[in-house]
Amino acid sequence: MKKILLLSDTHSYIDDQILKHVQNADEVWHAGDIGDLSVTDAIQKLKPLRGVYGNIDNDKARMEFPENNRFICEGVDVWITHIGGYPNRYNVRIREEIRQNPPKLFICGHSHILKVMFDKKLDLLHMNPGACGKHGFHKVRTMLRFVIDGDKIKELEIIELANRH
């Protein structure tokens, strides 16, 4: 059983509020637009981190993190990418692969809009944790927390941080 903290779109911002939640997780997953690598360095000092780079990330982030990160956590096939789209509207870059080889859990960031939805056609759970940084149009900074227990994804919680301003 693993407690996962899922965040995205930090845009170089990290604070004690985020780090408090990091400490309560077994692993942290970052869905891109990291910004300055001091963000991921701070997380990695506390917990194991899996991540991807996003469209605003520089060559340093792109050297440290892949564009797509596909792995098995417990018994769950996970695919994280920054720009992924949504069920029935997947990004053209990944559309064919996700149809042919869907994961059980598909995670993306980019939109700054928190969404969790089930794709009945592909039998997968789609998550976007919204944005926990301060850059962007979102009003509330958000993250997701959940548990992976064997092949089950459960105990999903939305974490609302302080408002962006």
N, C-alpha and C. Protein backbone atom coordinates (compact mmCIF):
# COMPACT_ATOMS: atom_id res chain seq x y z
N MET A 1 0.85 -1.19 0.00
CA MET A 1 0.00 0.00 0.00
C MET A 1 0.88 1.24 0.00
N LYS A 2 0.55 2.19 -0.89
CA LYS A 2 1.33 3.43 -0.97
C LYS A 2 0.41 4.64 -0.96
N LYS A 3 0.78 5.63 -0.13
CA LYS A 3 0.08 6.91 -0.12
C LYS A 3 0.78 7.83 -1.12
N ILE A 4 0.01 8.31 -2.10
CA ILE A 4 0.56 9.13 -3.17
C ILE A 4 0.07 10.58 -3.03
N LEU A 5 0.99 11.52 -3.16
CA LEU A 5 0.63 12.92 -3.29
C LEU A 5 0.89 13.31 -4.74
N LEU A 6 -0.14 13.78 -5.42
CA LEU A 6 -0.04 14.16 -6.82
C LEU A 6 -0.18 15.67 -6.95
N LEU A 7 0.84 16.28 -7.57
CA LEU A 7 0.79 17.72 -7.78
C LEU A 7 1.29 18.05 -9.18
N SER A 8 1.05 19.29 -9.58
CA SER A 8 1.45 19.73 -10.91
C SER A 8 1.56 21.24 -10.93
N ASP A 9 2.18 21.74 -11.97
CA ASP A 9 2.21 23.17 -12.27
C ASP A 9 2.62 24.01 -11.07
N THR A 10 3.78 23.66 -10.51
CA THR A 10 4.33 24.44 -9.41
C THR A 10 4.94 25.75 -9.92
N HIS A 11 5.39 25.77 -11.17
CA HIS A 11 5.96 26.99 -11.76
C HIS A 11 6.95 27.67 -10.81
N SER A 12 7.90 26.90 -10.32
CA SER A 12 8.99 27.35 -9.43
C SER A 12 8.56 27.68 -8.01
N TYR A 13 7.33 27.35 -7.63
CA TYR A 13 6.84 27.71 -6.31
C TYR A 13 6.70 26.47 -5.41
N ILE A 14 7.26 26.57 -4.22
CA ILE A 14 7.05 25.54 -3.20
C ILE A 14 7.03 26.24 -1.84
N ASP A 15 6.19 25.76 -0.95
CA ASP A 15 6.12 26.38 0.37
C ASP A 15 5.94 25.30 1.43
N ASP A 16 5.91 25.73 2.69
CA ASP A 16 5.77 24.78 3.80
C ASP A 16 4.46 24.03 3.76
N GLN A 17 3.42 24.65 3.22
CA GLN A 17 2.12 24.01 3.13
C GLN A 17 2.20 22.78 2.21
N ILE A 18 2.85 22.93 1.07
CA ILE A 18 3.04 21.80 0.16
C ILE A 18 3.92 20.75 0.81
N LEU A 19 5.02 21.18 1.41
CA LEU A 19 5.97 20.25 2.00
C LEU A 19 5.38 19.46 3.18
N LYS A 20 4.44 20.07 3.89
CA LYS A 20 3.75 19.36 4.97
C LYS A 20 3.01 18.14 4.41
N HIS A 21 2.36 18.32 3.28
CA HIS A 21 1.65 17.21 2.64
C HIS A 21 2.62 16.19 2.05
N VAL A 22 3.75 16.66 1.56
CA VAL A 22 4.79 15.75 1.05
C VAL A 22 5.22 14.79 2.16
N GLN A 23 5.39 15.32 3.35
CA GLN A 23 5.86 14.48 4.48
C GLN A 23 4.87 13.38 4.83
N ASN A 24 3.59 13.57 4.53
CA ASN A 24 2.57 12.57 4.86
C ASN A 24 2.35 11.54 3.75
N ALA A 25 3.13 11.62 2.67
CA ALA A 25 2.98 10.69 1.54
C ALA A 25 4.13 9.68 1.55
N ASP A 26 3.92 8.57 0.87
CA ASP A 26 5.00 7.62 0.65
C ASP A 26 5.80 7.99 -0.60
N GLU A 27 5.08 8.49 -1.61
CA GLU A 27 5.69 8.95 -2.86
C GLU A 27 5.00 10.21 -3.31
N VAL A 28 5.73 11.04 -4.06
CA VAL A 28 5.16 12.25 -4.65
C VAL A 28 5.31 12.12 -6.16
N TRP A 29 4.24 12.46 -6.87
CA TRP A 29 4.26 12.46 -8.33
C TRP A 29 3.99 13.87 -8.82
N HIS A 30 4.83 14.36 -9.73
CA HIS A 30 4.71 15.73 -10.27
C HIS A 30 4.41 15.64 -11.76
N ALA A 31 3.30 16.24 -12.17
CA ALA A 31 2.84 16.13 -13.56
C ALA A 31 3.29 17.30 -14.44
N GLY A 32 4.44 17.88 -14.14
CA GLY A 32 5.06 18.84 -15.05
C GLY A 32 4.81 20.31 -14.77
N ASP A 33 5.53 21.13 -15.54
CA ASP A 33 5.66 22.57 -15.29
C ASP A 33 6.21 22.79 -13.87
N ILE A 34 7.37 22.18 -13.68
CA ILE A 34 8.09 22.25 -12.41
C ILE A 34 8.61 23.66 -12.18
N GLY A 35 9.23 24.22 -13.23
CA GLY A 35 9.91 25.50 -13.09
C GLY A 35 11.31 25.24 -12.56
N ASP A 36 11.72 25.99 -11.59
CA ASP A 36 13.06 25.84 -11.01
C ASP A 36 13.16 24.47 -10.32
N LEU A 37 14.27 23.77 -10.55
CA LEU A 37 14.45 22.44 -9.98
C LEU A 37 14.61 22.45 -8.46
N SER A 38 14.71 23.64 -7.85
CA SER A 38 14.72 23.69 -6.38
C SER A 38 13.42 23.12 -5.82
N VAL A 39 12.33 23.17 -6.61
CA VAL A 39 11.05 22.59 -6.20
C VAL A 39 11.18 21.09 -6.04
N THR A 40 11.67 20.42 -7.08
CA THR A 40 11.77 18.96 -7.02
C THR A 40 12.90 18.54 -6.08
N ASP A 41 13.94 19.35 -5.96
CA ASP A 41 15.02 19.05 -5.00
C ASP A 41 14.47 19.03 -3.58
N ALA A 42 13.62 20.01 -3.25
CA ALA A 42 13.04 20.09 -1.90
C ALA A 42 12.16 18.87 -1.63
N ILE A 43 11.40 18.44 -2.62
CA ILE A 43 10.54 17.26 -2.46
C ILE A 43 11.39 16.01 -2.29
N GLN A 44 12.42 15.87 -3.13
CA GLN A 44 13.26 14.67 -3.10
C GLN A 44 14.07 14.53 -1.82
N LYS A 45 14.28 15.63 -1.11
CA LYS A 45 14.96 15.53 0.19
C LYS A 45 14.09 14.81 1.20
N LEU A 46 12.76 14.84 0.98
CA LEU A 46 11.81 14.26 1.93
C LEU A 46 11.28 12.89 1.51
N LYS A 47 10.95 12.75 0.20
CA LYS A 47 10.27 11.54 -0.26
C LYS A 47 10.70 11.19 -1.68
N PRO A 48 10.49 9.92 -2.08
CA PRO A 48 10.75 9.56 -3.48
C PRO A 48 9.81 10.34 -4.40
N LEU A 49 10.34 10.74 -5.55
CA LEU A 49 9.59 11.56 -6.50
C LEU A 49 9.64 10.94 -7.88
N ARG A 50 8.49 10.91 -8.52
CA ARG A 50 8.40 10.57 -9.94
C ARG A 50 7.81 11.78 -10.63
N GLY A 51 8.32 12.13 -11.79
CA GLY A 51 7.79 13.31 -12.45
C GLY A 51 8.00 13.29 -13.94
N VAL A 52 7.47 14.33 -14.58
CA VAL A 52 7.66 14.59 -16.00
C VAL A 52 7.93 16.08 -16.15
N TYR A 53 8.53 16.44 -17.27
CA TYR A 53 8.70 17.87 -17.53
C TYR A 53 7.46 18.39 -18.26
N GLY A 54 7.26 19.71 -18.14
CA GLY A 54 6.14 20.35 -18.81
C GLY A 54 6.63 21.35 -19.85
N ASN A 55 5.69 22.01 -20.48
CA ASN A 55 6.03 22.91 -21.59
C ASN A 55 6.82 24.14 -21.16
N ILE A 56 6.77 24.53 -19.90
CA ILE A 56 7.55 25.70 -19.46
C ILE A 56 8.93 25.31 -18.94
N ASP A 57 9.17 24.01 -18.82
CA ASP A 57 10.42 23.55 -18.19
C ASP A 57 11.61 23.65 -19.13
N ASN A 58 12.76 24.03 -18.54
CA ASN A 58 13.97 24.25 -19.32
C ASN A 58 14.73 22.95 -19.54
N ASP A 59 15.90 23.08 -20.17
CA ASP A 59 16.69 21.89 -20.51
C ASP A 59 17.17 21.14 -19.29
N LYS A 60 17.37 21.82 -18.16
CA LYS A 60 17.80 21.12 -16.94
C LYS A 60 16.70 20.16 -16.47
N ALA A 61 15.47 20.64 -16.44
CA ALA A 61 14.34 19.80 -16.04
C ALA A 61 14.15 18.67 -17.06
N ARG A 62 14.34 18.96 -18.32
CA ARG A 62 14.16 17.95 -19.37
C ARG A 62 15.25 16.89 -19.33
N MET A 63 16.40 17.23 -18.77
CA MET A 63 17.45 16.23 -18.59
C MET A 63 17.16 15.34 -17.37
N GLU A 64 16.49 15.89 -16.38
CA GLU A 64 16.21 15.13 -15.15
C GLU A 64 14.92 14.31 -15.23
N PHE A 65 13.93 14.81 -15.96
CA PHE A 65 12.63 14.16 -16.03
C PHE A 65 12.23 13.88 -17.47
N PRO A 66 11.51 12.77 -17.71
CA PRO A 66 11.07 12.44 -19.07
C PRO A 66 9.80 13.20 -19.45
N GLU A 67 9.43 13.14 -20.73
CA GLU A 67 8.16 13.71 -21.18
C GLU A 67 7.00 12.81 -20.75
N ASN A 68 7.21 11.51 -20.83
CA ASN A 68 6.23 10.51 -20.42
C ASN A 68 6.88 9.62 -19.37
N ASN A 69 6.16 9.34 -18.30
CA ASN A 69 6.67 8.45 -17.26
C ASN A 69 5.62 7.36 -17.05
N ARG A 70 5.94 6.16 -17.52
CA ARG A 70 5.01 5.04 -17.38
C ARG A 70 5.66 3.99 -16.50
N PHE A 71 4.94 3.56 -15.49
CA PHE A 71 5.49 2.64 -14.50
C PHE A 71 4.36 1.89 -13.81
N ILE A 72 4.74 0.86 -13.07
CA ILE A 72 3.78 0.12 -12.25
C ILE A 72 4.00 0.51 -10.80
N CYS A 73 2.94 0.92 -10.12
CA CYS A 73 2.98 1.20 -8.69
C CYS A 73 2.06 0.19 -8.03
N GLU A 74 2.64 -0.65 -7.16
CA GLU A 74 1.88 -1.78 -6.60
C GLU A 74 1.39 -2.60 -7.80
N GLY A 75 0.07 -2.70 -8.01
CA GLY A 75 -0.44 -3.43 -9.18
C GLY A 75 -1.10 -2.53 -10.20
N VAL A 76 -0.80 -1.22 -10.18
CA VAL A 76 -1.47 -0.27 -11.05
C VAL A 76 -0.49 0.26 -12.12
N ASP A 77 -0.92 0.14 -13.38
CA ASP A 77 -0.18 0.69 -14.51
C ASP A 77 -0.49 2.18 -14.57
N VAL A 78 0.56 3.01 -14.41
CA VAL A 78 0.40 4.47 -14.33
C VAL A 78 1.14 5.11 -15.50
N TRP A 79 0.52 6.13 -16.09
CA TRP A 79 1.16 6.92 -17.13
C TRP A 79 0.97 8.39 -16.76
N ILE A 80 2.10 9.10 -16.59
CA ILE A 80 2.08 10.53 -16.31
C ILE A 80 2.68 11.26 -17.50
N THR A 81 2.01 12.29 -17.98
CA THR A 81 2.55 13.19 -18.99
C THR A 81 1.96 14.57 -18.72
N HIS A 82 2.63 15.63 -19.16
CA HIS A 82 2.13 16.96 -18.80
C HIS A 82 0.89 17.36 -19.61
N ILE A 83 0.99 17.29 -20.92
CA ILE A 83 -0.13 17.68 -21.78
C ILE A 83 -0.75 16.40 -22.32
N GLY A 84 -1.87 16.00 -21.74
CA GLY A 84 -2.48 14.72 -22.10
C GLY A 84 -3.90 14.80 -22.60
N GLY A 85 -4.58 15.89 -22.31
CA GLY A 85 -5.99 15.99 -22.69
C GLY A 85 -6.87 15.25 -21.70
N TYR A 86 -8.08 14.92 -22.15
CA TYR A 86 -9.09 14.30 -21.31
C TYR A 86 -9.78 13.18 -22.06
N PRO A 87 -10.50 12.31 -21.36
CA PRO A 87 -11.24 11.25 -22.05
C PRO A 87 -12.06 11.81 -23.21
N ASN A 88 -11.98 11.12 -24.32
CA ASN A 88 -12.60 11.50 -25.60
C ASN A 88 -11.95 12.71 -26.25
N ARG A 89 -10.96 13.31 -25.59
CA ARG A 89 -10.26 14.47 -26.15
C ARG A 89 -8.77 14.41 -25.78
N TYR A 90 -8.18 13.23 -25.96
CA TYR A 90 -6.75 13.10 -25.62
C TYR A 90 -5.91 13.88 -26.62
N ASN A 91 -4.78 14.36 -26.14
CA ASN A 91 -3.84 15.09 -26.98
C ASN A 91 -3.38 14.21 -28.13
N VAL A 92 -3.24 14.80 -29.31
CA VAL A 92 -2.87 14.05 -30.51
C VAL A 92 -1.55 13.31 -30.33
N ARG A 93 -0.66 13.85 -29.51
CA ARG A 93 0.66 13.25 -29.30
C ARG A 93 0.57 11.87 -28.65
N ILE A 94 -0.45 11.64 -27.84
CA ILE A 94 -0.54 10.37 -27.10
C ILE A 94 -1.79 9.56 -27.47
N ARG A 95 -2.64 10.12 -28.31
CA ARG A 95 -3.96 9.53 -28.59
C ARG A 95 -3.88 8.07 -29.05
N GLU A 96 -3.03 7.79 -30.01
CA GLU A 96 -2.98 6.43 -30.56
C GLU A 96 -2.44 5.43 -29.54
N GLU A 97 -1.38 5.82 -28.82
CA GLU A 97 -0.80 4.90 -27.84
C GLU A 97 -1.76 4.62 -26.69
N ILE A 98 -2.49 5.63 -26.24
CA ILE A 98 -3.40 5.40 -25.11
C ILE A 98 -4.57 4.50 -25.53
N ARG A 99 -4.98 4.61 -26.80
CA ARG A 99 -6.05 3.72 -27.28
C ARG A 99 -5.55 2.29 -27.39
N GLN A 100 -4.33 2.12 -27.88
CA GLN A 100 -3.81 0.77 -28.10
C GLN A 100 -3.32 0.12 -26.81
N ASN A 101 -2.83 0.92 -25.87
CA ASN A 101 -2.24 0.36 -24.65
C ASN A 101 -2.60 1.24 -23.46
N PRO A 102 -3.88 1.28 -23.08
CA PRO A 102 -4.27 2.18 -21.99
C PRO A 102 -3.73 1.74 -20.63
N PRO A 103 -3.29 2.72 -19.81
CA PRO A 103 -2.91 2.40 -18.43
C PRO A 103 -4.17 2.27 -17.59
N LYS A 104 -4.02 1.92 -16.33
CA LYS A 104 -5.17 1.92 -15.41
C LYS A 104 -5.39 3.34 -14.86
N LEU A 105 -4.28 4.10 -14.72
CA LEU A 105 -4.33 5.46 -14.19
C LEU A 105 -3.55 6.37 -15.13
N PHE A 106 -4.24 7.36 -15.69
CA PHE A 106 -3.61 8.32 -16.60
C PHE A 106 -3.64 9.70 -15.93
N ILE A 107 -2.45 10.30 -15.82
CA ILE A 107 -2.30 11.57 -15.09
C ILE A 107 -1.69 12.61 -16.02
N CYS A 108 -2.26 13.81 -15.99
CA CYS A 108 -1.63 14.93 -16.68
C CYS A 108 -1.85 16.20 -15.87
N GLY A 109 -1.19 17.25 -16.29
CA GLY A 109 -1.32 18.56 -15.66
C GLY A 109 -1.73 19.56 -16.73
N HIS A 110 -1.05 20.68 -16.79
CA HIS A 110 -1.11 21.69 -17.85
C HIS A 110 -2.31 22.64 -17.76
N SER A 111 -3.52 22.12 -17.59
CA SER A 111 -4.71 22.98 -17.67
C SER A 111 -4.92 23.84 -16.43
N HIS A 112 -4.30 23.50 -15.31
CA HIS A 112 -4.52 24.15 -14.01
C HIS A 112 -5.94 23.91 -13.51
N ILE A 113 -6.65 22.95 -14.10
CA ILE A 113 -8.02 22.63 -13.71
C ILE A 113 -8.04 21.23 -13.09
N LEU A 114 -8.42 21.14 -11.82
CA LEU A 114 -8.50 19.86 -11.15
C LEU A 114 -9.66 19.06 -11.75
N LYS A 115 -9.35 17.85 -12.22
CA LYS A 115 -10.38 16.97 -12.76
C LYS A 115 -10.01 15.54 -12.47
N VAL A 116 -11.00 14.77 -12.05
CA VAL A 116 -10.84 13.33 -11.92
C VAL A 116 -12.05 12.74 -12.62
N MET A 117 -11.81 11.90 -13.62
CA MET A 117 -12.92 11.31 -14.36
C MET A 117 -12.56 9.92 -14.85
N PHE A 118 -13.58 9.09 -15.01
CA PHE A 118 -13.35 7.74 -15.48
C PHE A 118 -13.62 7.67 -16.97
N ASP A 119 -12.70 7.06 -17.71
CA ASP A 119 -12.86 6.86 -19.14
C ASP A 119 -13.41 5.45 -19.34
N LYS A 120 -14.73 5.37 -19.61
CA LYS A 120 -15.38 4.07 -19.74
C LYS A 120 -14.88 3.33 -20.98
N LYS A 121 -14.61 4.06 -22.05
CA LYS A 121 -14.16 3.42 -23.30
C LYS A 121 -12.83 2.69 -23.10
N LEU A 122 -11.89 3.33 -22.39
CA LEU A 122 -10.56 2.75 -22.23
C LEU A 122 -10.38 2.09 -20.86
N ASP A 123 -11.42 2.16 -20.01
CA ASP A 123 -11.38 1.55 -18.68
C ASP A 123 -10.18 2.06 -17.88
N LEU A 124 -10.07 3.39 -17.81
CA LEU A 124 -8.97 3.98 -17.03
C LEU A 124 -9.49 5.16 -16.23
N LEU A 125 -8.74 5.47 -15.17
CA LEU A 125 -9.04 6.64 -14.35
C LEU A 125 -8.11 7.76 -14.77
N HIS A 126 -8.69 8.92 -15.05
CA HIS A 126 -7.93 10.09 -15.47
C HIS A 126 -7.88 11.08 -14.30
N MET A 127 -6.67 11.57 -13.99
CA MET A 127 -6.52 12.58 -12.93
C MET A 127 -5.70 13.75 -13.41
N ASN A 128 -6.16 14.93 -13.06
CA ASN A 128 -5.38 16.15 -13.20
C ASN A 128 -5.49 16.86 -11.85
N PRO A 129 -4.37 17.06 -11.16
CA PRO A 129 -4.44 17.63 -9.80
C PRO A 129 -4.64 19.14 -9.75
N GLY A 130 -4.81 19.78 -10.90
CA GLY A 130 -4.87 21.24 -10.91
C GLY A 130 -3.46 21.80 -10.73
N ALA A 131 -3.35 22.97 -10.18
CA ALA A 131 -2.03 23.62 -10.02
C ALA A 131 -1.82 24.00 -8.57
N CYS A 132 -0.61 23.74 -8.06
CA CYS A 132 -0.32 24.13 -6.67
C CYS A 132 0.66 25.29 -6.61
N GLY A 133 1.08 25.79 -7.77
CA GLY A 133 1.92 26.98 -7.80
C GLY A 133 1.06 28.24 -7.79
N LYS A 134 1.72 29.38 -7.91
CA LYS A 134 1.00 30.65 -7.86
C LYS A 134 0.84 31.30 -9.23
N HIS A 135 1.45 30.71 -10.26
CA HIS A 135 1.40 31.31 -11.59
C HIS A 135 0.26 30.68 -12.39
N GLY A 136 -0.60 31.50 -12.98
CA GLY A 136 -1.70 31.00 -13.79
C GLY A 136 -3.02 31.61 -13.38
N PHE A 137 -4.08 31.16 -14.04
CA PHE A 137 -5.40 31.76 -13.84
C PHE A 137 -6.21 31.11 -12.73
N HIS A 138 -5.75 29.95 -12.21
CA HIS A 138 -6.51 29.26 -11.18
C HIS A 138 -6.62 30.13 -9.92
N LYS A 139 -7.75 30.00 -9.23
CA LYS A 139 -7.97 30.79 -8.03
C LYS A 139 -7.50 30.06 -6.77
N VAL A 140 -7.72 28.75 -6.72
CA VAL A 140 -7.34 27.94 -5.56
C VAL A 140 -6.24 26.97 -5.99
N ARG A 141 -5.21 26.89 -5.16
CA ARG A 141 -4.11 25.96 -5.42
C ARG A 141 -4.54 24.57 -4.92
N THR A 142 -4.37 23.56 -5.77
CA THR A 142 -4.87 22.22 -5.44
C THR A 142 -3.83 21.13 -5.70
N MET A 143 -4.02 20.02 -4.98
CA MET A 143 -3.26 18.78 -5.18
C MET A 143 -4.25 17.64 -4.93
N LEU A 144 -3.82 16.42 -5.24
CA LEU A 144 -4.62 15.23 -4.94
C LEU A 144 -3.81 14.28 -4.08
N ARG A 145 -4.51 13.57 -3.22
CA ARG A 145 -3.88 12.53 -2.41
C ARG A 145 -4.75 11.28 -2.56
N PHE A 146 -4.10 10.12 -2.71
CA PHE A 146 -4.84 8.88 -2.82
C PHE A 146 -3.93 7.73 -2.40
N VAL A 147 -4.54 6.56 -2.29
CA VAL A 147 -3.82 5.36 -1.88
C VAL A 147 -3.89 4.36 -3.03
N ILE A 148 -2.76 3.72 -3.30
CA ILE A 148 -2.75 2.58 -4.21
C ILE A 148 -2.48 1.36 -3.34
N ASP A 149 -3.45 0.45 -3.37
CA ASP A 149 -3.39 -0.75 -2.55
C ASP A 149 -3.57 -1.94 -3.49
N GLY A 150 -2.48 -2.61 -3.80
CA GLY A 150 -2.55 -3.69 -4.79
C GLY A 150 -2.91 -3.10 -6.14
N ASP A 151 -4.04 -3.55 -6.71
CA ASP A 151 -4.48 -2.99 -7.99
C ASP A 151 -5.62 -1.99 -7.83
N LYS A 152 -5.83 -1.52 -6.59
CA LYS A 152 -6.94 -0.60 -6.30
C LYS A 152 -6.42 0.82 -6.05
N ILE A 153 -7.15 1.79 -6.59
CA ILE A 153 -6.90 3.22 -6.33
C ILE A 153 -8.04 3.66 -5.42
N LYS A 154 -7.72 4.13 -4.22
CA LYS A 154 -8.79 4.43 -3.28
C LYS A 154 -8.43 5.62 -2.39
N GLU A 155 -9.39 6.01 -1.56
CA GLU A 155 -9.21 7.11 -0.59
C GLU A 155 -8.73 8.40 -1.26
N LEU A 156 -9.32 8.71 -2.40
CA LEU A 156 -8.96 9.93 -3.13
C LEU A 156 -9.45 11.16 -2.38
N GLU A 157 -8.52 12.10 -2.18
CA GLU A 157 -8.86 13.36 -1.49
C GLU A 157 -8.35 14.54 -2.31
N ILE A 158 -9.13 15.59 -2.34
CA ILE A 158 -8.69 16.86 -2.91
C ILE A 158 -8.08 17.68 -1.79
N ILE A 159 -6.90 18.21 -2.05
CA ILE A 159 -6.26 19.10 -1.08
C ILE A 159 -6.31 20.51 -1.66
N GLU A 160 -7.01 21.39 -0.94
CA GLU A 160 -7.03 22.80 -1.34
C GLU A 160 -6.07 23.56 -0.45
N LEU A 161 -5.13 24.21 -1.09
CA LEU A 161 -4.15 25.03 -0.38
C LEU A 161 -4.70 26.46 -0.32
N ALA A 162 -3.94 27.36 0.20
CA ALA A 162 -4.36 28.77 0.26
C ALA A 162 -4.64 29.28 -1.14
N ASN A 163 -5.43 30.32 -1.26
CA ASN A 163 -5.67 30.94 -2.55
C ASN A 163 -4.35 31.38 -3.17
N ARG A 164 -4.36 31.57 -4.45
CA ARG A 164 -3.16 31.83 -5.22
C ARG A 164 -2.49 33.15 -4.83
N HIS A 165 -3.23 34.13 -4.41
CA HIS A 165 -2.65 35.47 -4.19
C HIS A 165 -2.00 35.61 -2.85
